[in-house]
C-alpha atoms as a PDB file:
ATOM      1  CA  UNK A   1     -11.979  -0.715 -10.480  1.00  0.00           C
ATOM      2  CA  UNK A   2     -12.318   2.595  -9.844  1.00  0.00           C
ATOM      3  CA  UNK A   3     -11.820   3.966  -5.873  1.00  0.00           C
ATOM      4  CA  UNK A   4     -14.045   7.384  -5.263  1.00  0.00           C
ATOM      5  CA  UNK A   5     -13.546   9.046  -1.667  1.00  0.00           C
ATOM      6  CA  UNK A   6     -15.626  11.544  -0.147  1.00  0.00           C
ATOM      7  CA  UNK A   7     -15.215  14.774   1.801  1.00  0.00           C
ATOM      8  CA  UNK A   8     -16.033  12.992   5.170  1.00  0.00           C
ATOM      9  CA  UNK A   9     -13.672  10.201   4.437  1.00  0.00           C
ATOM     10  CA  UNK A  10     -11.009  12.248   3.287  1.00  0.00           C
ATOM     11  CA  UNK A  11     -11.421  14.565   6.408  1.00  0.00           C
ATOM     12  CA  UNK A  12     -11.484  12.028   8.770  1.00  0.00           C
ATOM     13  CA  UNK A  13      -8.460   9.893   7.070  1.00  0.00           C
ATOM     14  CA  UNK A  14      -6.454  13.635   7.396  1.00  0.00           C
ATOM     15  CA  UNK A  15      -7.558  13.709  11.028  1.00  0.00           C
ATOM     16  CA  UNK A  16      -5.669  10.648  11.879  1.00  0.00           C
ATOM     17  CA  UNK A  17      -2.951  10.652   9.317  1.00  0.00           C
ATOM     18  CA  UNK A  18      -0.267  10.435  12.508  1.00  0.00           C
ATOM     19  CA  UNK A  19      -0.627   7.115  13.399  1.00  0.00           C
ATOM     20  CA  UNK A  20       0.923   4.926  10.416  1.00  0.00           C
ATOM     21  CA  UNK A  21      -0.233   1.923  11.990  1.00  0.00           C
ATOM     22  CA  UNK A  22      -3.646   2.651  11.610  1.00  0.00           C
ATOM     23  CA  UNK A  23      -3.442   4.081   8.430  1.00  0.00           C
ATOM     24  CA  UNK A  24      -1.141   1.445   6.663  1.00  0.00           C
ATOM     25  CA  UNK A  25      -4.547  -1.032   7.674  1.00  0.00           C
ATOM     26  CA  UNK A  26      -6.594   1.189   6.284  1.00  0.00           C
ATOM     27  CA  UNK A  27      -4.484   0.832   3.423  1.00  0.00           C
ATOM     28  CA  UNK A  28      -4.645  -2.768   3.509  1.00  0.00           C
ATOM     29  CA  UNK A  29      -8.538  -3.207   3.947  1.00  0.00           C
ATOM     30  CA  UNK A  30      -9.179  -0.580   1.151  1.00  0.00           C
ATOM     31  CA  UNK A  31      -7.057  -3.308  -1.088  1.00  0.00           C
ATOM     32  CA  UNK A  32      -9.185  -6.153   0.034  1.00  0.00           C
ATOM     33  CA  UNK A  33     -12.415  -4.785  -0.529  1.00  0.00           C
ATOM     34  CA  UNK A  34     -10.862  -3.570  -3.904  1.00  0.00           C
ATOM     35  CA  UNK A  35     -10.254  -7.170  -4.870  1.00  0.00           C
ATOM     36  CA  UNK A  36     -13.518  -8.921  -3.223  1.00  0.00           C
ATOM     37  CA  UNK A  37     -16.264  -5.642  -2.576  1.00  0.00           C
ATOM     38  CA  UNK A  38     -18.583  -8.271  -0.821  1.00  0.00           C
ATOM     39  CA  UNK A  39     -16.656  -8.978   2.059  1.00  0.00           C
ATOM     40  CA  UNK A  40     -18.137  -6.210   4.334  1.00  0.00           C
ATOM     41  CA  UNK A  41     -21.769  -6.286   6.355  1.00  0.00           C
ATOM     42  CA  UNK A  42     -24.736  -4.504   5.478  1.00  0.00           C
ATOM     43  CA  UNK A  43     -25.998  -2.000   7.171  1.00  0.00           C
ATOM     44  CA  UNK A  44     -29.203  -2.146   9.000  1.00  0.00           C
ATOM     45  CA  UNK A  45     -31.862   0.356   8.123  1.00  0.00           C
ATOM     46  CA  UNK A  46     -32.688   2.269   5.062  1.00  0.00           C
ATOM     47  CA  UNK A  47     -28.561   2.258   4.420  1.00  0.00           C
ATOM     48  CA  UNK A  48     -29.290   0.226   1.018  1.00  0.00           C
ATOM     49  CA  UNK A  49     -25.801  -1.322  -0.344  1.00  0.00           C
ATOM     50  CA  UNK A  50     -23.709   0.728   2.384  1.00  0.00           C
ATOM     51  CA  UNK A  51     -21.371  -2.059   3.633  1.00  0.00           C
ATOM     52  CA  UNK A  52     -18.937  -1.150   6.731  1.00  0.00           C
ATOM     53  CA  UNK A  53     -15.442  -2.995   7.719  1.00  0.00           C
ATOM     54  CA  UNK A  54     -14.588  -2.829  11.224  1.00  0.00           C
ATOM     55  CA  UNK A  55     -10.802  -1.544  11.771  1.00  0.00           C
ATOM     56  CA  UNK A  56      -9.567  -1.819  15.736  1.00  0.00           C
ATOM     57  CA  UNK A  57     -11.505   0.873  16.766  1.00  0.00           C
ATOM     58  CA  UNK A  58     -13.228   2.514  14.032  1.00  0.00           C
ATOM     59  CA  UNK A  59     -15.329   1.597  11.209  1.00  0.00           C
ATOM     60  CA  UNK A  60     -15.035   2.433   7.281  1.00  0.00           C
ATOM     61  CA  UNK A  61     -18.598   2.801   5.305  1.00  0.00           C
ATOM     62  CA  UNK A  62     -18.374   2.175   1.835  1.00  0.00           C
ATOM     63  CA  UNK A  63     -20.408   1.312  -1.215  1.00  0.00           C
ATOM     64  CA  UNK A  64     -20.310  -0.500  -4.309  1.00  0.00           C
ATOM     65  CA  UNK A  65     -21.831  -0.131  -7.532  1.00  0.00           C
ATOM     66  CA  UNK A  66     -21.289  -3.087 -10.013  1.00  0.00           C
ATOM     67  CA  UNK A  67     -22.937  -1.678 -13.045  1.00  0.00           C
ATOM     68  CA  UNK A  68     -19.925   0.884 -13.178  1.00  0.00           C
ATOM     69  CA  UNK A  69     -17.318  -0.908 -11.056  1.00  0.00           C
ATOM     70  CA  UNK A  70     -16.654   1.865  -8.723  1.00  0.00           C
ATOM     71  CA  UNK A  71     -16.189   1.371  -5.102  1.00  0.00           C
ATOM     72  CA  UNK A  72     -17.163   4.617  -2.923  1.00  0.00           C
ATOM     73  CA  UNK A  73     -15.406   5.417   0.583  1.00  0.00           C
ATOM     74  CA  UNK A  74     -18.034   6.950   2.512  1.00  0.00           C
ATOM     75  CA  UNK A  75     -16.900   7.278   5.824  1.00  0.00           C
ATOM     76  CA  UNK A  76     -14.051   6.584   8.405  1.00  0.00           C
ATOM     77  CA  UNK A  77     -14.213   7.332  12.367  1.00  0.00           C
ATOM     78  CA  UNK A  78     -14.677   5.730  15.785  1.00  0.00           C
ATOM     79  CA  UNK A  79     -18.162   3.614  15.955  1.00  0.00           C
ATOM     80  CA  UNK A  80     -19.171   5.894  18.652  1.00  0.00           C
ATOM     81  CA  UNK A  81     -19.393   8.920  15.931  1.00  0.00           C
ATOM     82  CA  UNK A  82     -19.858   7.233  12.787  1.00  0.00           C
ATOM     83  CA  UNK A  83     -23.586   6.055  13.109  1.00  0.00           C
ATOM     84  CA  UNK A  84     -24.562   9.817  14.567  1.00  0.00           C
ATOM     85  CA  UNK A  85     -23.568  10.949  11.153  1.00  0.00           C
ATOM     86  CA  UNK A  86     -25.821   9.158   9.682  1.00  0.00           C
END
């Protein structure tokens, strides 16, 4: 499976890179998603195909393209900020 990170995702992960435990938990969740991309809950509204995973107190937004077998890591931030961006 190919994993593509958006600029928004990379920028926000870089902001929290000093928190080693958070980055470790994020990596574990990304590995779980790569094994089973359907574990996350769908976002409500018009964001078709986008899913979310809770990594306390953050949200990881992603989508999966079955045809091409690509996982898109869309965004990673605190709940109070992440949904305002969309």
